[in-house]
Amino acid sequence: MAEKVSLPGPGRRQIAIMVAFLTGAALFIFFLWRGLHSNPMKVPSVLVNKQAHPFTASWLQGQEFVKDAPPDAFQLDTFKGRPMILNFWASWCYSCRAEARDFENFWQMYKDKGVAVVGIAIQDTPTAALQFARTYGKTYILGLDSDDGKAAIDYGVTGVPETFFIDRNGVIVHKEAGPVTAEVLARYTDELLR
């Protein structure tokens, strides 16, 4: 009769190590999959539902759209009581080109409804910013962030374009990172006008 040979099997410690390894691998794959299917531009802003930060921007154009416009610069308070769409952009920004015509078309449709459309160019020069405005037909209110970029820093701008929808009480109701579409502009502006 042949003698039965038993092969050594894995011990408890080896099983625990294997289970831990497989669990770790499964979690890694899950988070990798989740990260690949999420949009990094859709990070929620801590500023939503909070008062908009005061800012100062040097005029580039659009003084005619503000009653008693200050001569050199405008501030958040310049638009007190009006809903505002505040867009941070730059002449060197490729994505800003994608939204430029939608912003202008939106401005033409909504300028008589009391909505202030304000663009603040950051890390830019007045000459380059105005040339960009002429090239893309921007006619709404434009300003230039100060040399130290305080407005962009206060709003937590990490890249341009970024747009903030601010209600008539000065509360930020939505932030959009990346180019804004006509649909997004209309949707959140309708909320501002309610």
Protein backbone atom coordinates (compact mmCIF):
# COMPACT_ATOMS: atom_id res chain seq x y z
CA MET A 1 0.00 0.00 0.00
CA ALA A 2 1.37 3.36 -0.99
CA GLU A 3 2.03 5.74 1.78
CA LYS A 4 0.00 9.00 1.62
CA VAL A 5 2.26 12.02 1.39
CA SER A 6 0.83 15.26 2.71
CA LEU A 7 2.17 18.44 1.28
CA PRO A 8 2.57 21.28 3.64
CA GLY A 9 -0.27 23.81 3.21
CA PRO A 10 -0.24 27.50 3.93
CA GLY A 11 -0.27 28.44 7.55
CA ARG A 12 -2.60 30.95 9.12
CA ARG A 13 -0.02 33.69 8.91
CA GLN A 14 0.50 33.14 5.19
CA ILE A 15 -3.26 33.16 4.58
CA ALA A 16 -3.63 36.43 6.50
CA ILE A 17 -0.81 38.01 4.48
CA MET A 18 -2.39 36.86 1.21
CA VAL A 19 -5.85 38.18 2.21
CA ALA A 20 -4.32 41.53 3.24
CA PHE A 21 -2.40 41.73 -0.06
CA LEU A 22 -5.49 40.93 -2.16
CA THR A 23 -7.61 43.41 -0.19
CA GLY A 24 -4.98 46.13 -0.66
CA ALA A 25 -4.74 45.38 -4.39
CA ALA A 26 -8.54 45.52 -4.76
CA LEU A 27 -8.69 48.88 -2.94
CA PHE A 28 -5.86 50.25 -5.08
CA ILE A 29 -7.66 49.22 -8.28
CA PHE A 30 -10.94 50.71 -7.03
CA PHE A 31 -9.37 54.11 -6.20
CA LEU A 32 -7.42 54.13 -9.47
CA TRP A 33 -10.64 53.42 -11.40
CA ARG A 34 -12.53 56.07 -9.43
CA GLY A 35 -9.79 58.65 -10.00
CA LEU A 36 -9.75 58.00 -13.74
CA HIS A 37 -13.51 58.50 -13.93
CA SER A 38 -13.75 61.70 -11.91
CA ASN A 39 -13.42 65.24 -13.20
CA PRO A 40 -10.66 67.18 -11.40
CA MET A 41 -12.28 70.44 -12.57
CA LYS A 42 -15.37 69.71 -10.45
CA VAL A 43 -13.78 70.21 -7.06
CA PRO A 44 -16.36 71.89 -4.81
CA SER A 45 -15.40 75.36 -3.67
CA VAL A 46 -15.39 76.25 0.02
CA LEU A 47 -16.56 79.72 -1.05
CA VAL A 48 -19.99 78.58 -2.25
CA ASN A 49 -22.78 79.86 0.02
CA LYS A 50 -20.38 82.38 1.59
CA GLN A 51 -19.99 86.12 1.14
CA ALA A 52 -17.87 87.05 -1.87
CA HIS A 53 -14.47 88.51 -0.99
CA PRO A 54 -13.96 92.21 -1.62
CA PHE A 55 -11.62 92.89 -4.51
CA THR A 56 -10.15 95.78 -6.47
CA ALA A 57 -9.38 95.68 -10.19
CA SER A 58 -8.04 98.39 -12.49
CA TRP A 59 -10.42 99.35 -15.28
CA LEU A 60 -9.76 97.98 -18.75
CA GLN A 61 -13.20 98.74 -20.20
CA GLY A 62 -16.90 98.95 -19.39
CA GLN A 63 -17.14 102.04 -17.18
CA GLU A 64 -20.23 103.07 -19.15
CA PHE A 65 -22.12 100.10 -17.67
CA VAL A 66 -21.64 101.29 -14.09
CA LYS A 67 -23.50 104.25 -12.66
CA ASP A 68 -21.04 106.64 -10.98
CA ALA A 69 -18.10 104.44 -12.00
CA PRO A 70 -14.96 105.07 -9.97
CA PRO A 71 -12.27 106.57 -12.23
CA ASP A 72 -9.32 104.19 -11.83
CA ALA A 73 -10.53 100.90 -10.39
CA PHE A 74 -13.69 99.05 -9.46
CA GLN A 75 -14.50 96.93 -6.45
CA LEU A 76 -17.05 94.31 -5.47
CA ASP A 77 -19.06 97.09 -3.79
CA THR A 78 -19.30 98.88 -7.16
CA PHE A 79 -21.92 96.25 -8.05
CA LYS A 80 -23.73 96.13 -4.70
CA GLY A 81 -27.32 94.95 -5.02
CA ARG A 82 -26.76 93.48 -8.52
CA PRO A 83 -26.29 89.81 -9.33
CA MET A 84 -22.82 89.29 -10.80
CA ILE A 85 -20.94 86.80 -12.88
CA LEU A 86 -17.26 87.20 -12.00
CA ASN A 87 -14.88 85.57 -14.46
CA PHE A 88 -11.13 85.25 -13.91
CA TRP A 89 -9.32 84.91 -17.24
CA ALA A 90 -6.09 85.78 -19.05
CA SER A 91 -5.03 86.65 -22.59
CA TRP A 92 -2.53 83.79 -22.59
CA CYS A 93 -5.17 81.24 -21.55
CA TYR A 94 -6.17 78.86 -24.33
CA SER A 95 -9.34 77.70 -22.51
CA CYS A 96 -10.44 81.32 -22.11
CA ARG A 97 -10.81 81.49 -25.90
CA ALA A 98 -13.35 78.66 -25.76
CA GLU A 99 -15.69 80.64 -23.52
CA ALA A 100 -15.10 84.17 -24.83
CA ARG A 101 -17.87 84.22 -27.43
CA ASP A 102 -20.38 82.52 -25.10
CA PHE A 103 -19.69 85.20 -22.49
CA GLU A 104 -20.18 88.00 -25.00
CA ASN A 105 -23.38 86.47 -26.39
CA PHE A 106 -24.64 86.01 -22.85
CA TRP A 107 -23.80 89.64 -22.01
CA GLN A 108 -25.74 90.88 -25.03
CA MET A 109 -28.80 88.85 -23.96
CA TYR A 110 -28.69 89.72 -20.23
CA LYS A 111 -27.19 93.22 -19.95
CA ASP A 112 -30.63 94.83 -19.72
CA LYS A 113 -31.74 92.41 -16.99
CA GLY A 114 -29.50 93.91 -14.30
CA VAL A 115 -26.80 91.24 -14.29
CA ALA A 116 -23.22 92.49 -14.07
CA VAL A 117 -20.77 90.47 -16.16
CA VAL A 118 -17.27 91.23 -14.92
CA GLY A 119 -14.04 89.75 -16.18
CA ILE A 120 -10.78 90.16 -14.25
CA ALA A 121 -7.60 89.37 -16.15
CA ILE A 122 -4.90 87.85 -13.96
CA GLN A 123 -1.14 87.67 -14.50
CA ASP A 124 -1.59 89.79 -17.59
CA THR A 125 -0.76 93.18 -19.07
CA PRO A 126 -3.32 95.84 -20.01
CA THR A 127 -2.18 95.77 -23.65
CA ALA A 128 -2.45 91.97 -24.02
CA ALA A 129 -5.77 91.83 -22.16
CA LEU A 130 -7.32 94.57 -24.32
CA GLN A 131 -6.02 92.96 -27.51
CA PHE A 132 -7.65 89.68 -26.45
CA ALA A 133 -10.90 91.55 -25.72
CA ARG A 134 -10.85 93.14 -29.18
CA THR A 135 -10.03 89.84 -30.90
CA TYR A 136 -12.92 88.03 -29.22
CA GLY A 137 -15.36 90.94 -29.24
CA LYS A 138 -15.66 91.35 -25.48
CA THR A 139 -17.70 94.45 -24.65
CA TYR A 140 -18.62 93.82 -21.01
CA ILE A 141 -16.83 95.08 -17.89
CA LEU A 142 -13.17 94.10 -17.77
CA GLY A 143 -10.52 94.81 -15.19
CA LEU A 144 -6.98 93.81 -14.38
CA ASP A 145 -6.04 92.16 -11.10
CA SER A 146 -3.37 94.03 -9.18
CA ASP A 147 0.29 93.12 -9.55
CA ASP A 148 0.20 90.94 -6.46
CA GLY A 149 -2.84 89.00 -7.76
CA LYS A 150 -4.81 89.57 -4.57
CA ALA A 151 -8.27 89.11 -6.09
CA ALA A 152 -7.38 85.76 -7.66
CA ILE A 153 -5.71 84.62 -4.44
CA ASP A 154 -8.69 85.64 -2.30
CA TYR A 155 -11.03 83.68 -4.58
CA GLY A 156 -8.77 80.63 -4.53
CA VAL A 157 -8.24 80.68 -8.28
CA THR A 158 -5.94 77.81 -9.21
CA GLY A 159 -6.18 78.20 -12.97
CA VAL A 160 -8.05 80.21 -15.54
CA PRO A 161 -10.79 80.41 -16.48
CA GLU A 162 -12.77 80.24 -13.25
CA THR A 163 -16.20 81.82 -12.87
CA PHE A 164 -18.20 82.76 -9.77
CA PHE A 165 -21.94 83.39 -9.74
CA ILE A 166 -22.72 85.95 -7.01
CA ASP A 167 -26.25 86.86 -5.98
CA ARG A 168 -27.52 90.38 -5.27
CA ASN A 169 -26.68 89.92 -1.56
CA GLY A 170 -23.03 89.23 -2.37
CA VAL A 171 -23.22 85.47 -1.72
CA ILE A 172 -21.42 83.07 -4.07
CA VAL A 173 -24.00 80.55 -5.29
CA HIS A 174 -21.83 78.60 -7.73
CA LYS A 175 -18.24 78.27 -8.94
CA GLU A 176 -17.35 76.87 -12.35
CA ALA A 177 -13.76 75.83 -13.07
CA GLY A 178 -12.80 75.65 -16.71
CA PRO A 179 -14.55 77.17 -19.72
CA VAL A 180 -18.16 78.16 -19.11
CA THR A 181 -20.80 77.21 -21.66
CA ALA A 182 -23.89 79.16 -22.67
CA GLU A 183 -26.02 76.54 -20.88
CA VAL A 184 -24.16 76.94 -17.57
CA LEU A 185 -24.36 80.74 -17.82
CA ALA A 186 -28.12 80.64 -18.42
CA ARG A 187 -28.81 78.02 -15.71
CA TYR A 188 -27.04 79.79 -12.87
CA THR A 189 -28.07 83.27 -13.95
CA ASP A 190 -31.71 82.20 -13.83
CA GLU A 191 -31.05 81.21 -10.20
CA LEU A 192 -29.49 84.61 -9.53
CA LEU A 193 -32.50 86.45 -10.95
CA ARG A 194 -35.10 84.60 -8.86
